Amino acid sequence: MTILIRFILVCIIIYLLIRSFTRYFAEQEAASRKKWEEENQDKNTPKGVSKDVGEYIDYEEIKD
């Protein structure tokens, strides 16, 4: 009888350890995926001046 109880307790401990490790690695994977998506989202944004802004004209001062 004590062997059965000991076996059940060992199985419960092993189950809890495996479950905690799988949750930990799942969180790590989700965090790295989120970071990767944020980095790629920055790359997809258009760079430079939009066409709605207009042209830039550099004026020179003329001294008399």
C-alpha atoms as a PDB file:
ATOM      1  CA  MET A   1       0.000   0.000   0.000  1.00  0.00           C
ATOM      2  CA  THR A   2       2.792   2.418   0.848  1.00  0.00           C
ATOM      3  CA  ILE A   3       4.492   1.598  -2.445  1.00  0.00           C
ATOM      4  CA  LEU A   4       1.330   2.587  -4.310  1.00  0.00           C
ATOM      5  CA  ILE A   5       1.069   5.910  -2.466  1.00  0.00           C
ATOM      6  CA  ARG A   6       4.771   6.578  -3.048  1.00  0.00           C
ATOM      7  CA  PHE A   7       4.371   5.781  -6.762  1.00  0.00           C
ATOM      8  CA  ILE A   8       1.374   8.122  -7.065  1.00  0.00           C
ATOM      9  CA  LEU A   9       3.249  10.952  -5.302  1.00  0.00           C
ATOM     10  CA  VAL A  10       6.298  10.521  -7.531  1.00  0.00           C
ATOM     11  CA  CYS A  11       4.075  10.561 -10.625  1.00  0.00           C
ATOM     12  CA  ILE A  12       2.363  13.753  -9.442  1.00  0.00           C
ATOM     13  CA  ILE A  13       5.726  15.441  -8.835  1.00  0.00           C
ATOM     14  CA  ILE A  14       7.012  14.421 -12.258  1.00  0.00           C
ATOM     15  CA  TYR A  15       3.800  15.653 -13.880  1.00  0.00           C
ATOM     16  CA  LEU A  16       4.035  19.035 -12.123  1.00  0.00           C
ATOM     17  CA  LEU A  17       7.694  19.449 -13.104  1.00  0.00           C
ATOM     18  CA  ILE A  18       7.031  18.648 -16.757  1.00  0.00           C
ATOM     19  CA  ARG A  19       4.027  20.979 -16.846  1.00  0.00           C
ATOM     20  CA  SER A  20       5.998  23.861 -15.338  1.00  0.00           C
ATOM     21  CA  PHE A  21       8.859  23.408 -17.829  1.00  0.00           C
ATOM     22  CA  THR A  22       6.510  23.317 -20.808  1.00  0.00           C
ATOM     23  CA  ARG A  23       4.738  26.489 -19.646  1.00  0.00           C
ATOM     24  CA  TYR A  24       8.085  28.232 -19.109  1.00  0.00           C
ATOM     25  CA  PHE A  25       9.319  27.392 -22.608  1.00  0.00           C
ATOM     26  CA  ALA A  26       5.968  28.348 -24.134  1.00  0.00           C
ATOM     27  CA  GLU A  27       6.226  31.796 -22.501  1.00  0.00           C
ATOM     28  CA  GLN A  28       9.796  32.194 -23.753  1.00  0.00           C
ATOM     29  CA  GLU A  29       8.714  31.295 -27.283  1.00  0.00           C
ATOM     30  CA  ALA A  30       5.780  33.703 -27.148  1.00  0.00           C
ATOM     31  CA  ALA A  31       8.023  36.518 -25.916  1.00  0.00           C
ATOM     32  CA  SER A  32      10.584  35.924 -28.655  1.00  0.00           C
ATOM     33  CA  ARG A  33       7.822  35.747 -31.279  1.00  0.00           C
ATOM     34  CA  LYS A  34       6.360  39.026 -30.039  1.00  0.00           C
ATOM     35  CA  LYS A  35       9.772  40.691 -30.132  1.00  0.00           C
ATOM     36  CA  TRP A  36      10.357  39.389 -33.671  1.00  0.00           C
ATOM     37  CA  GLU A  37       6.957  40.716 -34.809  1.00  0.00           C
ATOM     38  CA  GLU A  38       7.694  44.148 -33.311  1.00  0.00           C
ATOM     39  CA  GLU A  39      11.053  44.291 -35.097  1.00  0.00           C
ATOM     40  CA  ASN A  40       9.490  43.292 -38.414  1.00  0.00           C
ATOM     41  CA  GLN A  41       6.650  45.748 -37.963  1.00  0.00           C
ATOM     42  CA  ASP A  42       9.201  48.575 -37.782  1.00  0.00           C
ATOM     43  CA  LYS A  43      10.732  47.397 -41.057  1.00  0.00           C
ATOM     44  CA  ASN A  44       7.399  47.535 -42.874  1.00  0.00           C
ATOM     45  CA  THR A  45       6.809  51.211 -42.147  1.00  0.00           C
ATOM     46  CA  PRO A  46       7.613  53.523 -45.053  1.00  0.00           C
ATOM     47  CA  LYS A  47      10.794  55.527 -44.693  1.00  0.00           C
ATOM     48  CA  GLY A  48      11.585  59.020 -45.860  1.00  0.00           C
ATOM     49  CA  VAL A  49       9.278  61.910 -46.626  1.00  0.00           C
ATOM     50  CA  SER A  50       5.809  61.172 -47.871  1.00  0.00           C
ATOM     51  CA  LYS A  51       4.695  62.637 -51.193  1.00  0.00           C
ATOM     52  CA  ASP A  52       2.079  64.779 -49.471  1.00  0.00           C
ATOM     53  CA  VAL A  53       4.700  66.955 -47.783  1.00  0.00           C
ATOM     54  CA  GLY A  54       6.030  68.612 -50.932  1.00  0.00           C
ATOM     55  CA  GLU A  55       9.488  69.540 -52.125  1.00  0.00           C
ATOM     56  CA  TYR A  56      12.292  70.965 -50.081  1.00  0.00           C
ATOM     57  CA  ILE A  57      13.834  74.127 -51.513  1.00  0.00           C
ATOM     58  CA  ASP A  58      17.131  75.457 -50.226  1.00  0.00           C
ATOM     59  CA  TYR A  59      17.276  79.255 -50.455  1.00  0.00           C
ATOM     60  CA  GLU A  60      20.501  81.230 -50.474  1.00  0.00           C
ATOM     61  CA  GLU A  61      20.740  84.658 -48.973  1.00  0.00           C
ATOM     62  CA  ILE A  62      21.904  87.412 -51.295  1.00  0.00           C
ATOM     63  CA  LYS A  63      23.797  90.218 -49.585  1.00  0.00           C
ATOM     64  CA  ASP A  64      23.906  93.654 -51.188  1.00  0.00           C
END
